[in-house]
Amino acid sequence: MAYSHVDEETGFPSSVEPAVDHPAMSSFLRARLTVPRHISRQPGRLWVAAVCLTTMAASAQPLPEATASGAATAPAAITLDEAIARARSNEPTFAAAVAASRNAGLDRSIARSALLPSVTYNNQYLYTQPLHGATASSNASTASPDVVSPPRFIANNSVHEYTSQGEVNETLGAAQLNAVSRASASLAVAAAELELSRRGLVASVASLFYALATADRKVAVAQRAADEAASLTKLTQQRETAREIAHADVVKAQLQEQQRGRDLADARLQVEKSRLDLGVLLFADPRTPYTLSLPDAPAQVPARADVEAALAKRNPELESALASAHLADLNVLAARSQYLPDLALNYTYGIDATQFAAHDYNGARNLGYSASVTLDIPVWDWFATHDRVKQSEIARDTARMTLTNTQRKLIATLEEDYDEAVAAHDQLDSLNLSVDTAAESLRLTRLRYTAGESAILDVVDAENSMTTAETAREDGVVRYQTALANLQLLTGTL
């Protein structure tokens, strides 16, 4: 702030000149921030005015350089590969597939650990109410007081009992071995499902990407049509002024111009919708501005032999069906393994005594070990195992049917996608030729109308044909790009 005058009675400025760089804000402050002399002589009001001046001056400061430079930054150019990479970190379905695959890997590790011996260290103190009045043993003078007073509960060994033991347990059986195989098969299924999810995500991103690119080009088509309609309106007005045509031609041209204006507004709205739909997968804020970076020309259709070779090498749908069928077979074995016995081994080392010590009161060693071998043989479970086997066999038959159906669908999908890509590619030249023909037809019709040799309806029809041909060409481009992307996804090259 620059003060122009200081009042001698109060010591405060009576008028203020703002030190603001912005021209509009500077003129505003010059008009508003002058303190009248009658206010400057009132200290209470003067303090309020000073606070207001300080606040307004602070708010009038120029924007920081970072904000100004950030606003001037050009939107990021996004390629299809970059869009796919961004979508992988933002799409929840793909994230769920990744989590399922990681969990399947952990399940296999857990199943493997079940085959190894487990080691535990148990510590326990057990107190039991003594049985008072019981007869002491013959060596009561040297024995532990717990021996003299037996416990009230016959299931317990002593009034004070200490247990500190390390145990090693191992269970061997067909179920444990089969669990590892089932976990490995489940991991294969999860890996195939993850690849399917990735390819589904790529297909969605590619569809949105090419749809946005086509919407951008359709805006250019709509803009050209709107300009052409405006030019026709101007031409009819000039010819009406020269008394060469009737007013009906002007009305028809104006109707055409109005319709093209609405089409242009709809095309721009569709661009914004497509931009937001793709932005949801790319950015934290879908409103972030960006542009698309497209190749100069679409790729060629790969050779049929290369497509079949890539498809035979790896296809996640077929891999998922194969892994699911293998898992169903293992589930049948797991159900049948319930008929077999289990062998359990146990080794225990430590103390189980009336003193928490290596030796008792008499010097005897408390440390010791025990071992056990248990063989559990299933005898009767009211056909529960039999029913589980039947359930697993039903699921196995369904998985095998799914596998054969997947194989048939894979063959049909390959034929359809390849034929679609070839047909869409072959039609590109025809669509370009149609646009050129429509443009020449429009030019000639405009010349004939200018010379008075054709009607306004011929010009409107030529304009509509031109717009239809351009729109069809853009639809043909996105059709081929989508078909090629589907073919690449089927073979795993995208």
Protein backbone atom coordinates (compact mmCIF):
# COMPACT_ATOMS: atom_id res chain seq x y z
CA MET A 1 0.00 0.00 0.00
CA ALA A 2 1.10 3.58 -0.71
CA TYR A 3 -0.30 6.20 1.64
CA SER A 4 -0.89 9.66 0.11
CA HIS A 5 -1.70 11.58 3.30
CA VAL A 6 -1.38 11.05 7.06
CA ASP A 7 -3.82 12.83 9.37
CA GLU A 8 -1.99 14.81 12.00
CA GLU A 9 -4.63 14.25 14.74
CA THR A 10 -4.98 10.48 14.47
CA GLY A 11 -1.70 9.47 12.83
CA PHE A 12 -3.60 7.31 10.28
CA PRO A 13 -3.76 7.82 6.53
CA SER A 14 -6.75 9.67 5.17
CA SER A 15 -6.45 8.27 1.65
CA VAL A 16 -4.86 5.14 0.26
CA GLU A 17 -3.43 4.32 -3.15
CA PRO A 18 -3.37 0.59 -3.94
CA ALA A 19 -0.17 -1.11 -5.01
CA VAL A 20 -1.81 -3.71 -7.27
CA ASP A 21 -0.43 -4.75 -10.62
CA HIS A 22 -3.72 -5.85 -12.21
CA PRO A 23 -5.24 -2.84 -14.10
CA ALA A 24 -8.87 -3.68 -13.43
CA MET A 25 -8.29 -4.32 -9.71
CA SER A 26 -6.11 -1.21 -9.44
CA SER A 27 -8.84 1.05 -10.85
CA PHE A 28 -11.39 -0.63 -8.60
CA LEU A 29 -9.28 0.02 -5.52
CA ARG A 30 -8.65 3.60 -6.52
CA ALA A 31 -12.38 4.15 -6.67
CA ARG A 32 -13.25 2.23 -3.48
CA LEU A 33 -10.30 2.36 -1.10
CA THR A 34 -10.19 6.09 -0.37
CA VAL A 35 -10.97 6.70 3.29
CA PRO A 36 -13.08 9.85 3.89
CA ARG A 37 -11.61 12.43 6.25
CA HIS A 38 -14.56 12.25 8.63
CA ILE A 39 -13.90 8.52 9.10
CA SER A 40 -10.19 9.07 9.61
CA ARG A 41 -10.97 11.20 12.64
CA GLN A 42 -12.85 8.31 14.30
CA PRO A 43 -10.35 5.73 15.59
CA GLY A 44 -12.88 2.85 16.00
CA ARG A 45 -14.17 3.08 12.45
CA LEU A 46 -10.68 3.67 11.15
CA TRP A 47 -9.48 0.30 12.44
CA VAL A 48 -12.35 -1.46 10.62
CA ALA A 49 -11.51 0.39 7.42
CA ALA A 50 -7.83 -0.55 7.75
CA VAL A 51 -8.67 -4.25 8.19
CA CYS A 52 -10.95 -4.17 5.14
CA LEU A 53 -8.23 -2.48 3.07
CA THR A 54 -5.67 -5.11 4.07
CA THR A 55 -8.01 -8.01 3.25
CA MET A 56 -9.01 -6.63 -0.14
CA ALA A 57 -5.45 -5.86 -1.10
CA ALA A 58 -4.33 -9.37 -0.16
CA SER A 59 -7.11 -10.92 -2.24
CA ALA A 60 -6.12 -8.76 -5.20
CA GLN A 61 -2.59 -10.19 -5.45
CA PRO A 62 -1.68 -11.92 -8.74
CA LEU A 63 -2.06 -15.70 -9.04
CA PRO A 64 1.00 -17.80 -8.15
CA GLU A 65 3.24 -18.72 -11.01
CA ALA A 66 2.56 -22.44 -10.54
CA THR A 67 -1.19 -21.94 -11.02
CA ALA A 68 -0.72 -19.74 -14.03
CA SER A 69 1.71 -22.13 -15.66
CA GLY A 70 -0.51 -25.11 -14.81
CA ALA A 71 -3.47 -23.49 -16.53
CA ALA A 72 -1.37 -22.96 -19.64
CA THR A 73 -0.15 -26.57 -19.78
CA ALA A 74 -1.38 -28.39 -22.87
CA PRO A 75 -3.61 -31.44 -22.30
CA ALA A 76 -1.82 -34.77 -22.19
CA ALA A 77 -1.78 -36.81 -25.40
CA ILE A 78 -2.93 -40.36 -24.57
CA THR A 79 -2.09 -43.33 -26.77
CA LEU A 80 -4.02 -46.58 -26.66
CA ASP A 81 -1.20 -48.38 -24.80
CA GLU A 82 -1.02 -45.60 -22.22
CA ALA A 83 -4.80 -45.65 -21.80
CA ILE A 84 -4.68 -49.40 -21.15
CA ALA A 85 -1.87 -48.95 -18.61
CA ARG A 86 -3.79 -46.23 -16.79
CA ALA A 87 -7.00 -48.26 -16.76
CA ARG A 88 -5.27 -51.23 -15.10
CA SER A 89 -4.71 -49.19 -11.95
CA ASN A 90 -8.22 -47.68 -11.88
CA GLU A 91 -10.63 -50.44 -12.90
CA PRO A 92 -12.08 -52.34 -9.89
CA THR A 93 -13.02 -55.55 -11.74
CA PHE A 94 -9.46 -56.04 -12.94
CA ALA A 95 -8.18 -55.25 -9.43
CA ALA A 96 -10.48 -57.95 -8.04
CA ALA A 97 -9.11 -60.46 -10.57
CA VAL A 98 -5.55 -59.57 -9.55
CA ALA A 99 -6.46 -60.04 -5.89
CA ALA A 100 -8.09 -63.41 -6.63
CA SER A 101 -4.97 -64.60 -8.46
CA ARG A 102 -2.72 -63.57 -5.58
CA ASN A 103 -5.00 -65.27 -3.06
CA ALA A 104 -4.93 -68.45 -5.14
CA GLY A 105 -1.13 -68.41 -4.97
CA LEU A 106 -1.29 -68.05 -1.20
CA ASP A 107 -3.80 -70.92 -0.99
CA ARG A 108 -1.32 -73.19 -2.78
CA SER A 109 1.39 -72.17 -0.34
CA ILE A 110 -0.94 -72.95 2.57
CA ALA A 111 -1.77 -76.37 1.09
CA ARG A 112 1.92 -77.17 0.71
CA SER A 113 2.63 -76.19 4.30
CA ALA A 114 -0.01 -78.67 5.46
CA LEU A 115 2.21 -81.50 4.19
CA LEU A 116 5.03 -80.48 6.53
CA PRO A 117 5.18 -81.20 10.27
CA SER A 118 3.82 -78.52 12.57
CA VAL A 119 5.67 -77.55 15.74
CA THR A 120 3.96 -76.02 18.79
CA TYR A 121 5.15 -75.19 22.28
CA ASN A 122 2.48 -75.58 24.97
CA ASN A 123 2.66 -74.11 28.47
CA GLN A 124 -0.01 -74.71 31.10
CA TYR A 125 -0.49 -74.41 34.85
CA LEU A 126 -3.35 -76.40 36.36
CA TYR A 127 -4.56 -75.98 39.94
CA THR A 128 -7.03 -78.44 41.50
CA GLN A 129 -8.69 -78.21 44.90
CA PRO A 130 -6.95 -80.68 47.27
CA LEU A 131 -8.75 -83.52 49.02
CA HIS A 132 -8.25 -82.67 52.76
CA GLY A 133 -8.01 -85.46 55.28
CA ALA A 134 -6.56 -87.94 52.85
CA THR A 135 -3.99 -90.47 54.09
CA ALA A 136 -0.40 -89.46 53.44
CA SER A 137 2.04 -91.74 51.72
CA SER A 138 4.72 -93.63 53.63
CA ASN A 139 7.45 -91.27 52.50
CA ALA A 140 5.50 -88.12 53.35
CA SER A 141 8.49 -86.57 55.10
CA THR A 142 10.48 -86.34 51.89
CA ALA A 143 7.73 -86.10 49.30
CA SER A 144 6.19 -82.97 47.84
CA PRO A 145 3.25 -81.45 49.69
CA ASP A 146 1.18 -82.02 46.49
CA VAL A 147 1.74 -85.77 46.85
CA VAL A 148 0.51 -85.72 50.45
CA SER A 149 -2.69 -83.92 49.44
CA PRO A 150 -4.17 -85.61 46.36
CA PRO A 151 -6.40 -83.55 44.02
CA ARG A 152 -10.16 -83.61 44.48
CA PHE A 153 -10.76 -84.42 40.77
CA ILE A 154 -9.53 -87.88 39.84
CA ALA A 155 -8.95 -86.80 36.23
CA ASN A 156 -6.16 -84.45 37.33
CA ASN A 157 -2.74 -85.65 38.39
CA SER A 158 -1.91 -83.29 41.24
CA VAL A 159 -3.03 -80.17 43.08
CA HIS A 160 -0.34 -78.17 41.27
CA GLU A 161 0.53 -79.37 37.80
CA TYR A 162 2.91 -77.67 35.33
CA THR A 163 3.06 -78.51 31.66
CA SER A 164 5.73 -77.17 29.32
CA GLN A 165 6.06 -79.27 26.20
CA GLY A 166 7.07 -78.96 22.59
CA GLU A 167 4.99 -80.99 20.13
CA VAL A 168 5.67 -82.10 16.57
CA ASN A 169 2.59 -83.27 14.64
CA GLU A 170 2.32 -84.72 11.17
CA THR A 171 -0.77 -86.05 9.37
CA LEU A 172 -0.37 -88.14 6.23
CA GLY A 173 -3.27 -88.96 3.95
CA ALA A 174 -4.66 -88.78 0.46
CA ALA A 175 -6.65 -85.65 1.33
CA GLN A 176 -3.51 -83.65 2.16
CA LEU A 177 -1.77 -84.67 -1.05
CA ASN A 178 -4.84 -83.94 -3.12
CA ALA A 179 -5.23 -80.50 -1.51
CA VAL A 180 -1.94 -79.34 -3.05
CA SER A 181 -3.01 -80.48 -6.51
CA ARG A 182 -6.37 -78.77 -6.12
CA ALA A 183 -4.70 -75.55 -5.00
CA SER A 184 -2.41 -75.66 -8.04
CA ALA A 185 -5.38 -76.20 -10.34
CA SER A 186 -7.24 -73.33 -8.66
CA LEU A 187 -4.20 -71.12 -9.22
CA ALA A 188 -4.24 -72.04 -12.92
CA VAL A 189 -7.92 -71.14 -13.10
CA ALA A 190 -7.29 -67.81 -11.34
CA ALA A 191 -4.40 -67.02 -13.69
CA ALA A 192 -6.58 -67.71 -16.73
CA GLU A 193 -9.41 -65.63 -15.27
CA LEU A 194 -6.95 -62.80 -14.64
CA GLU A 195 -5.89 -62.87 -18.28
CA LEU A 196 -9.54 -62.89 -19.32
CA SER A 197 -10.19 -59.90 -17.10
CA ARG A 198 -7.17 -58.10 -18.56
CA ARG A 199 -8.34 -58.73 -22.10
CA GLY A 200 -11.85 -57.64 -21.20
CA LEU A 201 -10.43 -54.43 -19.78
CA VAL A 202 -8.36 -53.89 -22.92
CA ALA A 203 -11.44 -54.45 -25.07
CA SER A 204 -13.43 -51.89 -23.07
CA VAL A 205 -10.63 -49.32 -23.22
CA ALA A 206 -10.12 -49.87 -26.95
CA SER A 207 -13.84 -49.51 -27.61
CA LEU A 208 -14.04 -46.26 -25.62
CA PHE A 209 -10.79 -45.01 -27.14
CA TYR A 210 -11.90 -45.50 -30.75
CA ALA A 211 -15.42 -44.27 -29.97
CA LEU A 212 -13.96 -41.00 -28.69
CA ALA A 213 -11.69 -40.70 -31.73
CA THR A 214 -14.67 -41.25 -34.03
CA ALA A 215 -16.76 -38.74 -32.08
CA ASP A 216 -14.01 -36.15 -32.53
CA ARG A 217 -13.97 -36.75 -36.28
CA LYS A 218 -17.76 -36.62 -36.45
CA VAL A 219 -17.62 -33.16 -34.91
CA ALA A 220 -15.47 -32.10 -37.85
CA VAL A 221 -18.02 -33.65 -40.20
CA ALA A 222 -20.88 -31.84 -38.46
CA GLN A 223 -18.94 -28.58 -38.54
CA ARG A 224 -18.31 -28.90 -42.29
CA ALA A 225 -22.00 -29.69 -42.86
CA ALA A 226 -23.04 -26.69 -40.78
CA ASP A 227 -20.69 -24.41 -42.72
CA GLU A 228 -21.99 -25.82 -46.00
CA ALA A 229 -25.58 -25.20 -44.91
CA ALA A 230 -24.74 -21.63 -43.87
CA SER A 231 -23.07 -21.07 -47.24
CA LEU A 232 -26.18 -22.36 -49.00
CA THR A 233 -28.38 -20.01 -46.98
CA LYS A 234 -26.18 -17.07 -47.93
CA LEU A 235 -26.30 -18.11 -51.59
CA THR A 236 -30.09 -18.35 -51.63
CA GLN A 237 -30.41 -14.97 -49.96
CA GLN A 238 -28.16 -13.43 -52.58
CA ARG A 239 -30.12 -15.00 -55.41
CA GLU A 240 -33.41 -13.92 -53.83
CA THR A 241 -32.11 -10.35 -53.66
CA ALA A 242 -31.24 -10.61 -57.35
CA ARG A 243 -34.80 -11.91 -57.96
CA GLU A 244 -33.47 -15.18 -59.40
CA ILE A 245 -35.29 -17.58 -57.05
CA ALA A 246 -38.37 -17.65 -54.85
CA HIS A 247 -38.34 -17.10 -51.09
CA ALA A 248 -39.18 -20.77 -50.64
CA ASP A 249 -35.58 -21.64 -51.48
CA VAL A 250 -34.35 -19.36 -48.68
CA VAL A 251 -36.72 -21.01 -46.21
CA LYS A 252 -35.55 -24.48 -47.25
CA ALA A 253 -31.90 -23.46 -46.86
CA GLN A 254 -32.59 -21.95 -43.43
CA LEU A 255 -34.28 -25.15 -42.30
CA GLN A 256 -31.25 -27.10 -43.49
CA GLU A 257 -28.92 -24.75 -41.63
CA GLN A 258 -30.94 -25.06 -38.41
CA GLN A 259 -30.87 -28.85 -38.60
CA ARG A 260 -27.12 -28.88 -39.18
CA GLY A 261 -26.66 -26.62 -36.18
CA ARG A 262 -28.54 -29.08 -34.00
CA ASP A 263 -26.49 -31.95 -35.40
CA LEU A 264 -23.29 -30.08 -34.54
CA ALA A 265 -24.47 -29.48 -30.97
CA ASP A 266 -25.34 -33.18 -30.60
CA ALA A 267 -21.93 -34.19 -31.98
CA ARG A 268 -20.14 -31.96 -29.49
CA LEU A 269 -22.25 -33.37 -26.65
CA GLN A 270 -21.38 -36.92 -27.74
CA VAL A 271 -17.68 -36.01 -27.65
CA GLU A 272 -17.98 -34.82 -24.08
CA LYS A 273 -19.83 -37.98 -23.05
CA SER A 274 -17.25 -40.20 -24.70
CA ARG A 275 -14.43 -38.18 -23.15
CA LEU A 276 -15.92 -38.59 -19.65
CA ASP A 277 -16.58 -42.32 -20.16
CA LEU A 278 -12.93 -42.91 -21.03
CA GLY A 279 -11.72 -40.41 -18.42
CA VAL A 280 -13.30 -42.51 -15.65
CA LEU A 281 -10.73 -45.23 -16.41
CA LEU A 282 -7.77 -42.91 -16.94
CA PHE A 283 -7.77 -40.19 -14.30
CA ALA A 284 -8.75 -39.57 -10.70
CA ASP A 285 -10.87 -36.67 -11.98
CA PRO A 286 -12.74 -37.68 -15.18
CA ARG A 287 -12.94 -34.00 -16.15
CA THR A 288 -9.17 -33.83 -16.68
CA PRO A 289 -8.53 -32.50 -20.20
CA TYR A 290 -6.64 -34.80 -22.57
CA THR A 291 -6.28 -35.59 -26.23
CA LEU A 292 -5.87 -38.83 -28.14
CA SER A 293 -2.74 -39.80 -30.02
CA LEU A 294 -3.72 -42.00 -32.95
CA PRO A 295 -1.53 -43.79 -35.50
CA ASP A 296 -1.39 -42.28 -38.96
CA ALA A 297 -2.96 -45.36 -40.56
CA PRO A 298 -4.64 -48.47 -39.09
CA ALA A 299 -2.65 -51.68 -39.07
CA GLN A 300 -3.19 -54.36 -41.66
CA VAL A 301 -5.09 -57.56 -40.97
CA PRO A 302 -2.59 -60.27 -39.94
CA ALA A 303 -2.27 -63.44 -41.97
CA ARG A 304 -4.70 -66.23 -41.17
CA ALA A 305 -1.90 -68.70 -40.41
CA ASP A 306 -0.34 -66.29 -37.89
CA VAL A 307 -3.69 -65.81 -36.17
CA GLU A 308 -4.31 -69.54 -35.86
CA ALA A 309 -0.78 -70.13 -34.57
CA ALA A 310 -1.13 -67.43 -31.91
CA LEU A 311 -4.54 -68.75 -30.91
CA ALA A 312 -3.23 -72.29 -30.54
CA LYS A 313 -0.31 -71.06 -28.47
CA ARG A 314 -2.37 -69.44 -25.74
CA ASN A 315 -6.00 -68.60 -25.18
CA PRO A 316 -7.21 -67.74 -21.68
CA GLU A 317 -10.77 -68.98 -22.21
CA LEU A 318 -9.53 -72.41 -23.26
CA GLU A 319 -6.95 -72.45 -20.48
CA SER A 320 -9.60 -71.55 -17.92
CA ALA A 321 -11.91 -74.32 -19.17
CA LEU A 322 -9.07 -76.87 -19.13
CA ALA A 323 -7.98 -75.88 -15.62
CA SER A 324 -11.59 -75.99 -14.40
CA ALA A 325 -12.03 -79.49 -15.83
CA HIS A 326 -8.80 -80.64 -14.15
CA LEU A 327 -9.94 -79.11 -10.88
CA ALA A 328 -13.25 -80.96 -11.15
CA ASP A 329 -11.37 -84.25 -11.56
CA LEU A 330 -9.31 -83.48 -8.47
CA ASN A 331 -12.47 -82.68 -6.52
CA VAL A 332 -13.75 -86.16 -7.33
CA LEU A 333 -10.50 -87.66 -5.99
CA ALA A 334 -10.75 -85.49 -2.88
CA ALA A 335 -14.27 -86.74 -2.20
CA ARG A 336 -13.23 -90.37 -2.69
CA SER A 337 -10.22 -89.93 -0.41
CA GLN A 338 -12.61 -89.72 2.53
CA TYR A 339 -12.91 -93.52 2.28
CA LEU A 340 -9.16 -93.88 3.01
CA PRO A 341 -7.55 -93.83 6.48
CA ASP A 342 -5.35 -91.02 7.82
CA LEU A 343 -2.06 -91.59 9.63
CA ALA A 344 -1.22 -89.10 12.41
CA LEU A 345 2.22 -88.89 14.08
CA ASN A 346 2.98 -87.05 17.33
CA TYR A 347 6.20 -86.46 19.26
CA THR A 348 6.14 -84.54 22.58
CA TYR A 349 9.11 -83.43 24.67
CA GLY A 350 9.02 -81.42 27.92
CA ILE A 351 7.69 -81.63 31.46
CA ASP A 352 4.35 -82.54 33.00
CA ALA A 353 5.07 -82.44 36.73
CA THR A 354 4.14 -80.89 40.05
CA GLN A 355 7.11 -78.52 39.89
CA PHE A 356 8.11 -76.16 37.10
CA ALA A 357 11.66 -77.49 37.06
CA ALA A 358 13.86 -80.01 35.34
CA HIS A 359 13.99 -82.15 38.54
CA ASP A 360 11.44 -82.81 41.28
CA TYR A 361 11.93 -82.64 45.08
CA ASN A 362 13.47 -86.09 45.12
CA GLY A 363 15.94 -85.26 42.34
CA ALA A 364 14.14 -87.26 39.70
CA ARG A 365 14.30 -85.84 36.19
CA ASN A 366 11.01 -84.26 35.02
CA LEU A 367 12.07 -83.82 31.39
CA GLY A 368 10.94 -86.58 29.09
CA TYR A 369 9.24 -87.40 25.82
CA SER A 370 6.34 -89.35 24.41
CA ALA A 371 5.40 -90.44 20.91
CA SER A 372 2.21 -91.71 19.35
CA VAL A 373 1.04 -93.10 16.02
CA THR A 374 -2.66 -92.95 15.21
CA LEU A 375 -4.43 -94.58 12.30
CA ASP A 376 -8.00 -93.34 11.77
CA ILE A 377 -10.07 -95.70 9.62
CA PRO A 378 -13.47 -94.43 8.45
CA VAL A 379 -16.17 -97.02 8.99
CA TRP A 380 -19.64 -95.49 8.74
CA ASP A 381 -20.87 -91.94 8.06
CA TRP A 382 -24.44 -92.55 6.86
CA PHE A 383 -23.52 -92.21 3.14
CA ALA A 384 -22.23 -88.65 3.56
CA THR A 385 -19.01 -89.48 1.68
CA HIS A 386 -21.00 -91.30 -0.99
CA ASP A 387 -23.15 -88.22 -1.57
CA ARG A 388 -20.10 -85.93 -1.71
CA VAL A 389 -18.62 -88.18 -4.41
CA LYS A 390 -21.84 -87.94 -6.40
CA GLN A 391 -21.82 -84.14 -6.11
CA SER A 392 -18.25 -83.91 -7.33
CA GLU A 393 -19.01 -86.21 -10.27
CA ILE A 394 -21.94 -84.01 -11.32
CA ALA A 395 -19.69 -80.93 -11.18
CA ARG A 396 -17.04 -82.79 -13.21
CA ASP A 397 -19.51 -83.65 -15.98
CA THR A 398 -20.58 -79.99 -16.14
CA ALA A 399 -16.95 -78.83 -16.35
CA ARG A 400 -16.26 -81.24 -19.21
CA MET A 401 -19.31 -80.00 -21.09
CA THR A 402 -18.15 -76.42 -20.57
CA LEU A 403 -14.74 -77.33 -21.96
CA THR A 404 -16.14 -78.78 -25.18
CA ASN A 405 -18.50 -75.82 -25.59
CA THR A 406 -15.59 -73.40 -25.11
CA GLN A 407 -13.63 -75.17 -27.82
CA ARG A 408 -16.54 -74.90 -30.26
CA LYS A 409 -17.15 -71.24 -29.44
CA LEU A 410 -13.46 -70.47 -29.84
CA ILE A 411 -13.45 -71.85 -33.38
CA ALA A 412 -16.58 -69.89 -34.27
CA THR A 413 -15.27 -66.68 -32.68
CA LEU A 414 -12.03 -66.94 -34.65
CA GLU A 415 -13.95 -67.29 -37.91
CA GLU A 416 -16.29 -64.40 -37.09
CA ASP A 417 -13.62 -61.97 -35.88
CA TYR A 418 -11.29 -62.66 -38.78
CA ASP A 419 -14.04 -62.32 -41.39
CA GLU A 420 -15.24 -59.12 -39.72
CA ALA A 421 -11.76 -57.61 -39.78
CA VAL A 422 -11.22 -58.51 -43.44
CA ALA A 423 -14.63 -57.17 -44.49
CA ALA A 424 -14.21 -53.94 -42.53
CA HIS A 425 -10.76 -53.40 -44.00
CA ASP A 426 -11.97 -54.03 -47.56
CA GLN A 427 -14.79 -51.52 -47.14
CA LEU A 428 -12.49 -48.65 -46.13
CA ASP A 429 -11.49 -47.94 -49.73
CA SER A 430 -15.12 -48.07 -50.82
CA LEU A 431 -16.15 -45.65 -48.08
CA ASN A 432 -13.39 -43.21 -49.04
CA LEU A 433 -14.51 -43.43 -52.67
CA SER A 434 -18.09 -42.71 -51.62
CA VAL A 435 -16.97 -39.57 -49.78
CA ASP A 436 -15.05 -38.37 -52.83
CA THR A 437 -18.03 -39.09 -55.10
CA ALA A 438 -20.44 -37.32 -52.76
CA ALA A 439 -18.12 -34.29 -52.57
CA GLU A 440 -17.93 -34.07 -56.37
CA SER A 441 -21.71 -34.47 -56.63
CA LEU A 442 -22.22 -31.64 -54.13
CA ARG A 443 -19.82 -29.38 -56.03
CA LEU A 444 -21.52 -29.98 -59.36
CA THR A 445 -24.99 -29.57 -57.89
CA ARG A 446 -23.99 -26.26 -56.29
CA LEU A 447 -22.70 -25.05 -59.65
CA ARG A 448 -25.90 -26.08 -61.42
CA TYR A 449 -28.00 -24.40 -58.74
CA THR A 450 -25.96 -21.23 -59.00
CA ALA A 451 -26.52 -21.28 -62.75
CA GLY A 452 -30.25 -21.84 -62.20
CA GLU A 453 -30.24 -25.33 -63.71
CA SER A 454 -31.28 -27.31 -60.60
CA ALA A 455 -33.67 -26.95 -57.66
CA ILE A 456 -32.85 -26.26 -54.02
CA LEU A 457 -33.96 -29.78 -53.14
CA ASP A 458 -31.15 -31.19 -55.29
CA VAL A 459 -28.59 -29.18 -53.34
CA VAL A 460 -30.06 -30.24 -49.98
CA ASP A 461 -30.07 -33.86 -51.12
CA ALA A 462 -26.42 -33.59 -52.20
CA GLU A 463 -25.48 -32.07 -48.86
CA ASN A 464 -27.26 -34.86 -47.00
CA SER A 465 -25.53 -37.47 -49.15
CA MET A 466 -22.17 -35.87 -48.43
CA THR A 467 -22.79 -35.86 -44.66
CA THR A 468 -24.08 -39.45 -44.74
CA ALA A 469 -21.02 -40.63 -46.67
CA GLU A 470 -18.61 -38.93 -44.26
CA THR A 471 -20.45 -40.33 -41.24
CA ALA A 472 -20.42 -43.82 -42.77
CA ARG A 473 -16.70 -43.53 -43.39
CA GLU A 474 -16.04 -42.66 -39.75
CA ASP A 475 -18.24 -45.53 -38.62
CA GLY A 476 -16.34 -47.81 -40.98
CA VAL A 477 -13.01 -46.72 -39.51
CA VAL A 478 -14.10 -47.43 -35.94
CA ARG A 479 -15.64 -50.72 -37.09
CA TYR A 480 -12.33 -51.87 -38.54
CA GLN A 481 -10.32 -50.65 -35.56
CA THR A 482 -12.65 -52.47 -33.16
CA ALA A 483 -12.61 -55.66 -35.25
CA LEU A 484 -8.81 -55.58 -35.42
CA ALA A 485 -8.59 -55.02 -31.65
CA ASN A 486 -10.91 -57.99 -31.02
CA LEU A 487 -8.76 -60.15 -33.29
CA GLN A 488 -5.61 -59.05 -31.47
CA LEU A 489 -7.23 -59.73 -28.11
CA LEU A 490 -8.26 -63.19 -29.25
CA THR A 491 -4.67 -64.03 -30.16
CA GLY A 492 -3.14 -62.19 -27.18
CA THR A 493 -1.15 -59.67 -29.22
CA LEU A 494 -2.83 -56.60 -27.69
